[in-house]
N, C-alpha and C. Protein backbone atom coordinates (compact mmCIF):
# COMPACT_ATOMS: atom_id res chain seq x y z
N MET A 1 0.85 -1.15 0.00
CA MET A 1 -0.07 0.01 0.18
C MET A 1 0.89 1.19 0.10
N GLU A 2 0.47 2.37 -0.80
CA GLU A 2 1.25 3.45 -0.92
C GLU A 2 1.09 4.37 0.30
N ARG A 3 2.01 4.97 0.86
CA ARG A 3 1.93 5.89 1.88
C ARG A 3 1.50 7.23 1.40
N VAL A 4 0.61 7.96 1.97
CA VAL A 4 0.33 9.25 1.53
C VAL A 4 1.26 10.12 2.52
N ILE A 5 2.05 10.98 1.84
CA ILE A 5 2.91 11.84 2.46
C ILE A 5 2.40 13.33 2.24
N PRO A 6 1.96 13.90 3.54
CA PRO A 6 1.34 15.19 3.54
C PRO A 6 2.12 16.30 2.87
N HIS A 7 1.53 17.27 2.33
CA HIS A 7 2.06 18.28 1.59
C HIS A 7 2.97 19.24 2.69
N ASP A 8 2.41 19.23 3.85
CA ASP A 8 3.14 20.18 4.70
C ASP A 8 4.12 19.29 5.65
N LEU A 9 4.66 18.29 5.21
CA LEU A 9 5.72 17.60 5.87
C LEU A 9 6.95 18.44 5.75
N THR A 10 7.53 18.65 6.91
CA THR A 10 8.90 19.19 7.16
C THR A 10 9.82 18.22 7.92
N ILE A 11 11.05 18.23 7.50
CA ILE A 11 12.05 17.47 8.21
C ILE A 11 13.02 18.53 8.74
N HIS A 12 13.39 18.47 9.86
CA HIS A 12 14.45 19.35 10.64
C HIS A 12 15.75 18.64 10.98
N THR A 13 16.70 19.30 10.69
CA THR A 13 18.12 18.81 10.86
C THR A 13 18.66 19.78 12.00
N ALA A 14 19.99 19.64 12.34
CA ALA A 14 20.51 20.55 13.23
C ALA A 14 20.49 22.13 12.63
N ARG A 15 20.81 22.31 11.31
CA ARG A 15 20.90 23.65 10.64
C ARG A 15 19.84 23.79 9.70
N CYS A 16 19.13 22.78 9.21
CA CYS A 16 18.28 22.91 8.03
C CYS A 16 16.89 22.44 8.28
N LEU A 17 15.88 23.00 7.34
CA LEU A 17 14.57 22.68 7.29
C LEU A 17 14.34 22.20 5.88
N LEU A 18 13.93 20.83 5.69
CA LEU A 18 13.64 20.24 4.47
C LEU A 18 12.18 20.44 4.26
N ARG A 19 11.64 21.13 3.17
CA ARG A 19 10.23 21.28 3.14
C ARG A 19 9.74 21.19 1.78
N ARG A 20 8.58 20.87 1.22
CA ARG A 20 8.05 20.84 -0.04
C ARG A 20 8.50 21.99 -0.87
N PRO A 21 8.90 22.12 -2.10
CA PRO A 21 9.05 23.18 -2.74
C PRO A 21 7.97 23.92 -2.95
N VAL A 22 8.33 25.40 -3.19
CA VAL A 22 7.14 26.32 -3.36
C VAL A 22 7.77 27.16 -4.67
N LEU A 23 6.82 27.71 -5.28
CA LEU A 23 7.26 28.62 -6.42
C LEU A 23 8.19 29.82 -6.13
N GLU A 24 7.98 30.26 -4.84
CA GLU A 24 8.84 31.25 -4.26
C GLU A 24 10.23 30.97 -4.30
N ASP A 25 10.54 29.74 -4.42
CA ASP A 25 12.21 29.28 -4.48
C ASP A 25 12.63 29.39 -5.86
N ALA A 26 11.95 29.76 -6.82
CA ALA A 26 12.47 29.96 -8.23
C ALA A 26 13.59 30.84 -8.38
N PRO A 27 13.57 32.01 -7.79
CA PRO A 27 14.62 33.00 -7.88
C PRO A 27 15.90 32.30 -7.48
N ALA A 28 15.93 31.79 -6.31
CA ALA A 28 17.20 31.25 -5.68
C ALA A 28 17.70 30.11 -6.66
N ILE A 29 16.87 29.21 -7.14
CA ILE A 29 17.19 28.14 -7.97
C ILE A 29 17.68 28.72 -9.21
N PHE A 30 17.04 29.65 -9.85
CA PHE A 30 17.61 30.32 -11.10
C PHE A 30 18.98 30.92 -10.86
N SER A 31 19.20 31.54 -9.69
CA SER A 31 20.45 32.16 -9.45
C SER A 31 21.60 31.04 -9.27
N ALA A 32 21.22 29.89 -8.87
CA ALA A 32 22.23 28.84 -8.73
C ALA A 32 22.58 28.28 -10.22
N THR A 33 21.48 28.44 -11.04
CA THR A 33 21.87 27.86 -12.31
C THR A 33 22.76 28.79 -13.17
N ARG A 34 22.93 30.01 -12.71
CA ARG A 34 23.80 31.06 -13.32
C ARG A 34 25.29 30.91 -13.12
N PHE A 35 25.55 29.98 -12.21
CA PHE A 35 26.97 29.75 -11.97
C PHE A 35 27.58 28.78 -12.93
N ALA A 36 28.60 29.14 -13.50
CA ALA A 36 29.30 28.17 -14.51
C ALA A 36 29.55 26.87 -13.94
N GLY A 37 29.07 25.85 -14.89
CA GLY A 37 29.41 24.52 -14.50
C GLY A 37 28.45 23.93 -13.34
N PHE A 38 27.40 24.66 -13.03
CA PHE A 38 26.45 24.24 -11.98
C PHE A 38 25.55 23.06 -12.58
N ASN A 39 25.13 23.02 -13.74
CA ASN A 39 24.40 22.01 -14.28
C ASN A 39 25.03 20.89 -14.99
N ASP A 40 26.48 21.05 -14.88
CA ASP A 40 27.29 19.94 -15.70
C ASP A 40 26.99 18.62 -15.41
N GLY A 41 26.66 18.29 -13.97
CA GLY A 41 26.67 16.86 -13.64
C GLY A 41 25.04 16.58 -13.53
N MET A 42 24.23 17.33 -13.94
CA MET A 42 22.75 16.95 -13.94
C MET A 42 22.10 16.85 -15.29
N GLN A 43 21.22 15.97 -15.33
CA GLN A 43 20.62 15.75 -16.59
C GLN A 43 19.69 16.83 -17.26
N TRP A 44 19.54 17.81 -16.45
CA TRP A 44 18.69 18.90 -17.07
C TRP A 44 19.65 20.22 -17.38
N GLU A 45 19.25 20.82 -18.24
CA GLU A 45 20.05 22.12 -18.88
C GLU A 45 19.61 23.31 -17.82
N PRO A 46 20.33 24.26 -17.75
CA PRO A 46 19.95 25.27 -17.00
C PRO A 46 18.86 26.24 -17.78
N PRO A 47 17.96 26.80 -17.05
CA PRO A 47 16.81 27.46 -17.70
C PRO A 47 17.42 28.82 -18.11
N THR A 48 16.78 29.45 -19.31
CA THR A 48 17.18 30.63 -19.75
C THR A 48 16.33 31.78 -19.09
N THR A 49 15.33 31.46 -18.62
CA THR A 49 14.33 32.43 -17.81
C THR A 49 13.83 31.77 -16.56
N ILE A 50 13.34 32.49 -15.37
CA ILE A 50 12.81 32.01 -14.33
C ILE A 50 11.50 31.20 -14.62
N GLU A 51 10.77 31.70 -15.63
CA GLU A 51 9.42 31.14 -16.04
C GLU A 51 9.74 29.65 -16.37
N GLU A 52 10.86 29.18 -16.82
CA GLU A 52 11.05 27.84 -17.40
C GLU A 52 11.05 26.87 -16.21
N LEU A 53 11.19 27.39 -14.90
CA LEU A 53 11.06 26.51 -13.71
C LEU A 53 9.54 26.26 -13.24
N ASP A 54 8.73 26.92 -13.83
CA ASP A 54 7.34 26.64 -13.49
C ASP A 54 6.81 25.22 -13.94
N GLU A 55 7.10 24.73 -15.15
CA GLU A 55 6.61 23.42 -15.50
C GLU A 55 7.14 22.35 -14.59
N PRO A 56 8.61 22.30 -14.48
CA PRO A 56 9.31 21.21 -13.40
C PRO A 56 8.59 21.39 -12.20
N PHE A 57 8.29 22.50 -11.58
CA PHE A 57 7.73 22.60 -10.25
C PHE A 57 6.32 21.84 -10.20
N ARG A 58 5.59 22.26 -11.35
CA ARG A 58 4.17 21.51 -11.37
C ARG A 58 4.27 20.08 -11.45
N GLU A 59 5.42 19.61 -12.31
CA GLU A 59 5.60 18.03 -12.29
C GLU A 59 6.11 17.54 -11.02
N GLN A 60 6.84 18.12 -10.36
CA GLN A 60 7.17 17.66 -8.93
C GLN A 60 6.03 17.66 -8.02
N MET A 61 5.25 18.51 -7.97
CA MET A 61 3.87 18.35 -7.13
C MET A 61 3.14 17.38 -7.52
N LEU A 62 2.89 17.20 -8.80
CA LEU A 62 2.05 15.82 -9.12
C LEU A 62 2.80 14.65 -8.79
N ALA A 63 4.16 14.66 -9.01
CA ALA A 63 4.87 13.37 -8.62
C ALA A 63 4.82 13.12 -7.00
N TRP A 64 4.82 14.14 -6.34
CA TRP A 64 4.63 13.95 -4.82
C TRP A 64 3.30 13.24 -4.68
N ASP A 65 2.21 13.79 -5.18
CA ASP A 65 0.81 13.48 -5.11
C ASP A 65 0.81 11.86 -5.47
N GLU A 66 1.49 11.42 -6.51
CA GLU A 66 1.58 10.21 -7.04
C GLU A 66 2.32 9.28 -6.20
N GLY A 67 3.19 9.75 -5.28
CA GLY A 67 4.16 8.93 -4.46
C GLY A 67 5.34 8.38 -5.21
N SER A 68 5.74 9.05 -6.31
CA SER A 68 6.77 8.59 -7.09
C SER A 68 8.08 9.41 -6.85
N VAL A 69 8.03 10.63 -6.51
CA VAL A 69 9.10 11.55 -6.22
C VAL A 69 8.81 12.54 -5.11
N PHE A 70 9.76 12.66 -4.13
CA PHE A 70 9.55 13.46 -3.00
C PHE A 70 10.81 14.44 -3.06
N ALA A 71 10.60 15.58 -3.58
CA ALA A 71 11.52 16.62 -3.72
C ALA A 71 11.48 17.67 -2.55
N PHE A 72 12.56 17.93 -2.07
CA PHE A 72 12.57 18.93 -0.65
C PHE A 72 13.60 20.03 -1.04
N THR A 73 13.11 21.17 -0.84
CA THR A 73 13.94 22.42 -0.79
C THR A 73 14.67 22.37 0.68
N ILE A 74 15.85 22.44 0.69
CA ILE A 74 16.76 22.64 1.86
C ILE A 74 16.90 24.06 2.17
N ALA A 75 16.29 24.54 3.25
CA ALA A 75 16.32 26.11 3.47
C ALA A 75 17.13 26.13 4.89
N ASP A 76 17.92 27.26 5.17
CA ASP A 76 18.52 27.50 6.37
C ASP A 76 17.64 27.71 7.47
N LEU A 77 17.90 26.85 8.60
CA LEU A 77 16.75 27.00 9.63
C LEU A 77 16.65 28.34 10.27
N ALA A 78 17.84 29.06 10.28
CA ALA A 78 17.92 30.26 10.94
C ALA A 78 17.38 31.31 10.08
N THR A 79 17.68 31.46 8.59
CA THR A 79 17.19 32.40 7.72
C THR A 79 16.23 32.00 6.78
N ASN A 80 15.92 30.85 6.62
CA ASN A 80 14.92 30.27 5.52
C ASN A 80 15.44 30.52 4.32
N GLY A 81 16.73 30.92 4.02
CA GLY A 81 17.42 30.94 2.72
C GLY A 81 17.52 29.68 2.19
N LEU A 82 17.44 29.58 0.64
CA LEU A 82 17.44 28.46 -0.07
C LEU A 82 18.99 27.99 0.00
N LEU A 83 19.24 26.64 0.54
CA LEU A 83 20.49 26.05 0.38
C LEU A 83 20.83 25.05 -0.73
N GLY A 84 19.58 24.57 -1.10
CA GLY A 84 19.75 23.40 -2.22
C GLY A 84 18.53 22.72 -2.17
N ARG A 85 18.63 21.42 -3.00
CA ARG A 85 17.55 20.54 -3.04
C ARG A 85 17.92 19.01 -2.77
N VAL A 86 17.20 18.23 -2.32
CA VAL A 86 17.40 16.86 -2.27
C VAL A 86 16.01 16.18 -2.52
N GLY A 87 16.14 15.24 -3.33
CA GLY A 87 14.91 14.42 -3.66
C GLY A 87 15.15 12.90 -3.61
N ILE A 88 14.13 12.23 -3.43
CA ILE A 88 14.10 10.59 -3.47
C ILE A 88 13.08 10.22 -4.42
N ARG A 89 13.37 9.39 -5.34
CA ARG A 89 12.53 9.00 -6.57
C ARG A 89 12.43 7.50 -6.57
N LYS A 90 11.22 6.86 -6.78
CA LYS A 90 11.06 5.44 -6.93
C LYS A 90 11.68 4.93 -8.07
N THR A 91 12.15 3.86 -8.07
CA THR A 91 12.93 3.24 -9.22
C THR A 91 11.89 2.17 -9.79
N ASN A 92 12.25 1.30 -10.71
CA ASN A 92 11.30 0.33 -11.20
C ASN A 92 11.37 -0.91 -10.48
N ARG A 93 12.23 -1.01 -9.44
CA ARG A 93 12.48 -2.16 -8.61
C ARG A 93 11.79 -1.83 -7.06
N PRO A 94 11.15 -2.87 -6.76
CA PRO A 94 10.17 -2.52 -5.50
C PRO A 94 11.14 -2.28 -4.20
N ASN A 95 10.69 -1.26 -3.57
CA ASN A 95 11.39 -0.67 -2.40
C ASN A 95 12.83 -0.18 -2.60
N VAL A 96 13.22 0.14 -3.83
CA VAL A 96 14.60 0.68 -4.02
C VAL A 96 14.30 2.06 -4.69
N TRP A 97 14.85 2.99 -3.94
CA TRP A 97 14.56 4.44 -4.26
C TRP A 97 16.05 5.06 -4.66
N ASN A 98 16.01 6.10 -5.48
CA ASN A 98 17.08 6.93 -6.03
C ASN A 98 17.18 8.16 -5.52
N LEU A 99 18.30 8.66 -5.09
CA LEU A 99 18.60 9.88 -4.37
C LEU A 99 19.24 10.83 -5.48
N GLY A 100 18.88 12.16 -5.28
CA GLY A 100 19.39 13.18 -6.21
C GLY A 100 19.60 14.45 -5.38
N PHE A 101 20.53 15.30 -5.55
CA PHE A 101 20.68 16.60 -4.79
C PHE A 101 21.54 17.52 -5.50
N TRP A 102 21.47 18.71 -5.01
CA TRP A 102 22.32 19.72 -5.43
C TRP A 102 22.34 20.94 -4.30
N THR A 103 23.35 21.48 -4.39
CA THR A 103 23.56 22.61 -3.43
C THR A 103 23.91 23.90 -3.99
N HIS A 104 23.31 25.03 -3.61
CA HIS A 104 23.42 26.23 -4.27
C HIS A 104 25.04 26.55 -4.13
N PRO A 105 25.61 26.89 -5.31
CA PRO A 105 27.07 27.27 -5.27
C PRO A 105 27.72 28.03 -4.16
N GLN A 106 26.81 28.97 -3.72
CA GLN A 106 27.30 29.86 -2.61
C GLN A 106 27.25 29.25 -1.25
N GLN A 107 26.71 27.97 -1.04
CA GLN A 107 26.57 27.20 0.14
C GLN A 107 27.31 26.02 0.15
N GLN A 108 28.19 25.68 -0.87
CA GLN A 108 28.79 24.44 -1.12
C GLN A 108 29.93 24.32 0.03
N GLY A 109 30.19 23.15 0.38
CA GLY A 109 31.52 22.91 1.16
C GLY A 109 31.10 23.17 2.79
N LYS A 110 29.84 23.32 3.11
CA LYS A 110 29.49 23.67 4.55
C LYS A 110 28.82 22.57 5.36
N GLY A 111 28.77 21.46 4.59
CA GLY A 111 28.10 20.32 5.31
C GLY A 111 26.60 20.20 5.14
N TYR A 112 25.77 21.07 4.60
CA TYR A 112 24.41 21.22 4.62
C TYR A 112 23.85 19.90 3.82
N MET A 113 24.68 19.51 2.77
CA MET A 113 24.09 18.41 1.96
C MET A 113 24.24 17.04 2.79
N THR A 114 25.29 16.90 3.37
CA THR A 114 25.62 15.72 4.19
C THR A 114 24.48 15.44 5.25
N GLU A 115 24.20 16.52 5.93
CA GLU A 115 23.15 16.66 6.87
C GLU A 115 21.85 16.38 6.34
N SER A 116 21.56 16.79 5.21
CA SER A 116 20.07 16.80 4.60
C SER A 116 19.87 15.31 3.98
N VAL A 117 21.05 14.84 3.47
CA VAL A 117 20.87 13.41 2.78
C VAL A 117 20.74 12.33 4.04
N ARG A 118 21.40 12.68 5.14
CA ARG A 118 21.12 11.69 6.29
C ARG A 118 19.74 11.80 6.78
N ALA A 119 19.04 12.93 6.67
CA ALA A 119 17.74 13.02 7.03
C ALA A 119 16.80 12.40 6.05
N ILE A 120 17.21 12.52 4.78
CA ILE A 120 16.42 11.68 3.67
C ILE A 120 16.53 10.26 3.76
N PHE A 121 17.61 9.74 4.31
CA PHE A 121 17.68 8.35 4.49
C PHE A 121 16.67 7.79 5.37
N THR A 122 16.51 8.59 6.58
CA THR A 122 15.58 8.31 7.60
C THR A 122 14.18 8.36 7.11
N PHE A 123 13.92 9.35 6.27
CA PHE A 123 12.50 9.59 5.62
C PHE A 123 12.32 8.32 4.64
N GLY A 124 13.38 7.98 3.90
CA GLY A 124 13.29 6.96 2.89
C GLY A 124 13.22 5.59 3.57
N PHE A 125 13.83 5.05 4.45
CA PHE A 125 13.93 4.02 5.14
C PHE A 125 12.57 3.74 6.10
N GLU A 126 12.37 4.93 6.75
CA GLU A 126 11.37 4.73 7.88
C GLU A 126 9.98 5.03 7.28
N GLU A 127 9.78 6.09 6.42
CA GLU A 127 8.43 6.43 5.95
C GLU A 127 8.14 5.80 4.54
N LEU A 128 9.04 5.73 3.73
CA LEU A 128 8.63 5.12 2.39
C LEU A 128 8.81 3.61 2.26
N GLY A 129 9.61 3.11 3.39
CA GLY A 129 9.73 1.64 3.36
C GLY A 129 10.72 1.28 2.42
N ALA A 130 11.75 2.04 2.07
CA ALA A 130 12.87 1.55 1.20
C ALA A 130 13.68 0.45 1.73
N THR A 131 14.21 -0.46 1.01
CA THR A 131 15.07 -1.42 1.36
C THR A 131 16.45 -1.16 0.97
N GLN A 132 16.60 -0.18 0.00
CA GLN A 132 17.95 0.17 -0.63
C GLN A 132 17.67 1.59 -1.17
N ILE A 133 18.73 2.47 -1.06
CA ILE A 133 18.76 3.80 -1.63
C ILE A 133 19.90 3.93 -2.39
N GLU A 134 19.92 4.29 -3.73
CA GLU A 134 20.86 4.46 -4.56
C GLU A 134 21.10 5.93 -4.99
N ALA A 135 22.38 6.18 -5.45
CA ALA A 135 22.65 7.46 -6.02
C ALA A 135 23.78 7.42 -7.00
N SER A 136 23.79 8.23 -8.03
CA SER A 136 25.03 8.25 -8.95
C SER A 136 25.45 9.66 -8.95
N TYR A 137 26.85 9.74 -9.31
CA TYR A 137 27.51 11.10 -9.49
C TYR A 137 28.41 11.11 -10.68
N ALA A 138 28.47 12.15 -11.52
CA ALA A 138 29.37 12.14 -12.62
C ALA A 138 30.81 11.96 -12.00
N LEU A 139 31.63 11.23 -12.66
CA LEU A 139 32.98 10.91 -12.19
C LEU A 139 33.88 12.13 -11.68
N TRP A 140 33.69 13.25 -12.35
CA TRP A 140 34.50 14.31 -12.12
C TRP A 140 34.04 15.07 -10.80
N ASN A 141 32.65 14.69 -10.31
CA ASN A 141 31.95 15.51 -9.26
C ASN A 141 32.45 14.86 -7.95
N LYS A 142 33.69 15.18 -7.39
CA LYS A 142 34.15 14.72 -6.18
C LYS A 142 33.60 15.29 -5.02
N SER A 143 32.86 16.39 -5.04
CA SER A 143 32.05 16.92 -3.91
C SER A 143 30.89 15.94 -3.69
N SER A 144 30.11 15.55 -4.67
CA SER A 144 29.08 14.63 -4.50
C SER A 144 29.52 13.23 -4.09
N ARG A 145 30.67 12.83 -4.63
CA ARG A 145 31.19 11.61 -4.03
C ARG A 145 31.50 11.53 -2.55
N ARG A 146 31.97 12.72 -2.03
CA ARG A 146 32.35 12.90 -0.82
C ARG A 146 31.17 12.79 0.08
N VAL A 147 30.04 13.45 -0.24
CA VAL A 147 28.87 13.52 0.48
C VAL A 147 28.47 11.93 0.71
N LEU A 148 28.14 11.36 -0.67
CA LEU A 148 27.95 10.05 -0.62
C LEU A 148 28.62 9.06 0.34
N GLU A 149 29.92 9.15 0.33
CA GLU A 149 30.80 8.39 1.14
C GLU A 149 30.59 8.62 2.72
N LYS A 150 30.43 10.09 2.94
CA LYS A 150 30.16 10.38 4.26
C LYS A 150 28.91 9.88 4.95
N VAL A 151 27.97 9.65 4.00
CA VAL A 151 26.60 9.12 4.58
C VAL A 151 26.51 7.65 4.68
N GLY A 152 27.71 6.85 4.22
CA GLY A 152 27.86 5.50 4.32
C GLY A 152 27.53 4.77 2.96
N MET A 153 27.28 5.59 1.86
CA MET A 153 27.05 4.76 0.60
C MET A 153 28.25 4.29 0.09
N LYS A 154 28.00 2.90 -0.52
CA LYS A 154 29.22 2.22 -1.22
C LYS A 154 29.11 2.02 -2.39
N PHE A 155 30.20 2.04 -3.20
CA PHE A 155 30.28 1.81 -4.95
C PHE A 155 29.65 0.52 -5.17
N ILE A 156 28.73 0.60 -6.26
CA ILE A 156 28.23 -0.70 -6.70
C ILE A 156 28.37 -0.83 -8.11
N ALA A 157 28.60 0.28 -8.98
CA ALA A 157 28.84 0.03 -10.25
C ALA A 157 29.37 1.30 -10.95
N TYR A 158 30.16 1.07 -12.17
CA TYR A 158 30.51 2.03 -13.08
C TYR A 158 29.56 2.20 -14.07
N ILE A 159 29.19 3.39 -14.59
CA ILE A 159 28.16 3.63 -15.70
C ILE A 159 28.92 4.45 -16.75
N PRO A 160 29.50 3.74 -17.80
CA PRO A 160 30.13 4.58 -18.81
C PRO A 160 29.21 5.47 -19.56
N HIS A 161 27.92 5.31 -19.63
CA HIS A 161 26.98 6.11 -20.39
C HIS A 161 25.88 6.66 -19.54
N ALA A 162 26.15 7.28 -18.48
CA ALA A 162 25.04 7.54 -17.48
C ALA A 162 23.91 8.39 -18.14
N PHE A 163 24.37 9.47 -18.80
CA PHE A 163 23.47 10.39 -19.44
C PHE A 163 24.29 11.36 -20.50
N GLN A 164 23.62 11.92 -21.49
CA GLN A 164 24.28 12.80 -22.45
C GLN A 164 24.12 14.19 -21.94
N LYS A 165 25.17 14.85 -22.23
CA LYS A 165 25.19 16.35 -21.84
C LYS A 165 25.94 16.90 -23.07
N GLN A 166 25.24 17.91 -23.77
CA GLN A 166 25.79 18.54 -24.97
C GLN A 166 26.34 17.51 -25.86
N GLY A 167 25.69 16.50 -26.14
CA GLY A 167 25.92 15.46 -27.16
C GLY A 167 27.06 14.52 -26.70
N ARG A 168 27.54 14.59 -25.38
CA ARG A 168 28.72 13.64 -25.18
C ARG A 168 28.03 12.95 -23.78
N TRP A 169 28.69 11.61 -23.77
CA TRP A 169 28.10 10.75 -22.51
C TRP A 169 28.85 11.33 -21.34
N VAL A 170 28.31 11.30 -20.25
CA VAL A 170 28.84 11.61 -18.94
C VAL A 170 29.00 10.20 -18.25
N GLU A 171 30.23 9.90 -17.80
CA GLU A 171 30.50 8.61 -17.00
C GLU A 171 29.99 9.09 -15.57
N ALA A 172 29.64 7.83 -14.85
CA ALA A 172 29.22 8.11 -13.42
C ALA A 172 29.45 6.81 -12.75
N ASN A 173 29.53 6.90 -11.41
CA ASN A 173 29.53 5.93 -10.55
C ASN A 173 28.05 5.91 -9.76
N LYS A 174 27.82 4.70 -9.56
CA LYS A 174 26.36 4.45 -8.69
C LYS A 174 26.82 3.96 -7.41
N MET A 175 26.29 4.41 -6.37
CA MET A 175 26.59 3.87 -5.11
C MET A 175 25.25 3.76 -4.34
N SER A 176 25.14 2.88 -3.16
CA SER A 176 24.02 2.27 -2.64
C SER A 176 24.31 2.06 -1.06
N ILE A 177 23.11 2.03 -0.38
CA ILE A 177 23.03 1.88 0.96
C ILE A 177 21.76 1.03 1.26
N SER A 178 21.87 -0.04 1.86
CA SER A 178 20.73 -0.89 2.32
C SER A 178 20.21 -0.34 3.62
N ARG A 179 18.76 -0.82 3.82
CA ARG A 179 18.27 -0.43 5.15
C ARG A 179 19.03 -1.00 6.23
N ARG A 180 19.52 -2.21 6.03
CA ARG A 180 20.34 -2.84 7.15
C ARG A 180 21.83 -2.03 7.46
N GLU A 181 22.44 -1.75 6.33
CA GLU A 181 23.52 -0.98 6.44
C GLU A 181 23.29 0.26 7.18
N TRP A 182 22.25 1.06 6.89
CA TRP A 182 21.87 2.31 7.44
C TRP A 182 21.48 2.23 8.80
N SER A 183 20.70 1.16 9.24
CA SER A 183 20.37 0.75 10.55
C SER A 183 21.53 0.70 11.59
N ILE A 184 22.54 -0.23 11.09
CA ILE A 184 23.85 -0.48 11.75
C ILE A 184 24.48 0.84 12.07
N SER A 185 24.69 1.62 10.99
CA SER A 185 25.44 2.91 11.18
C SER A 185 24.59 3.81 12.24
N VAL A 186 23.28 3.96 12.22
CA VAL A 186 22.53 4.66 13.18
C VAL A 186 22.76 4.16 14.37
N ALA A 187 22.69 2.78 14.64
CA ALA A 187 22.72 2.07 16.02
C ALA A 187 24.10 2.28 16.53
N SER A 188 25.14 2.47 15.63
CA SER A 188 26.53 2.67 16.29
C SER A 188 26.85 4.24 16.42
N GLY A 189 25.92 5.03 15.91
CA GLY A 189 26.31 6.39 16.27
C GLY A 189 26.93 7.09 15.11
N ASP A 190 27.32 6.31 14.00
CA ASP A 190 28.11 6.94 12.93
C ASP A 190 27.19 8.05 12.18
N ARG A 191 25.87 7.60 11.91
CA ARG A 191 25.17 8.53 11.05
C ARG A 191 23.88 8.95 11.84
N GLN A 192 23.55 10.17 11.89
CA GLN A 192 22.45 10.47 12.58
C GLN A 192 21.58 11.59 11.90
């Protein structure tokens, strides 16, 4: 049975508030896409106008209601400023979910994403009933690799043709963590 996740769900970490996206996030998202290289490791191209973010927003809201994707805006708990996005998406395999994330370039390197991904693991394993959570990163994206390693994910596969970007294939590595591995790390105090 599918679990209904309320629209007003919020997840708190020590420094962050994870909440359902709102249209008012668009200017901060658009500003992130203006930084050179920001979209290089993502399957989507940067928008040319803020209005181009409207349709993806509507699609995310529908996907939330369908229970197939849960995207969260990561906001600074103190200022409510946008720090990034993190989402968890159903795969075609039962109880296996895929993680995706990005941090606004002005907020990178401060540990916000590691903190947020740990919270999404709790949501995925406890609320969604995931048995495994996977994520992929472009080989050159060492920051994303570090986040995934810090949260306990392990390498499972090299993907030579993960996706195309400007007509060229992007190589990626896939990482994974099982519910059992996550439970052990939480019980030992390694990941909270």
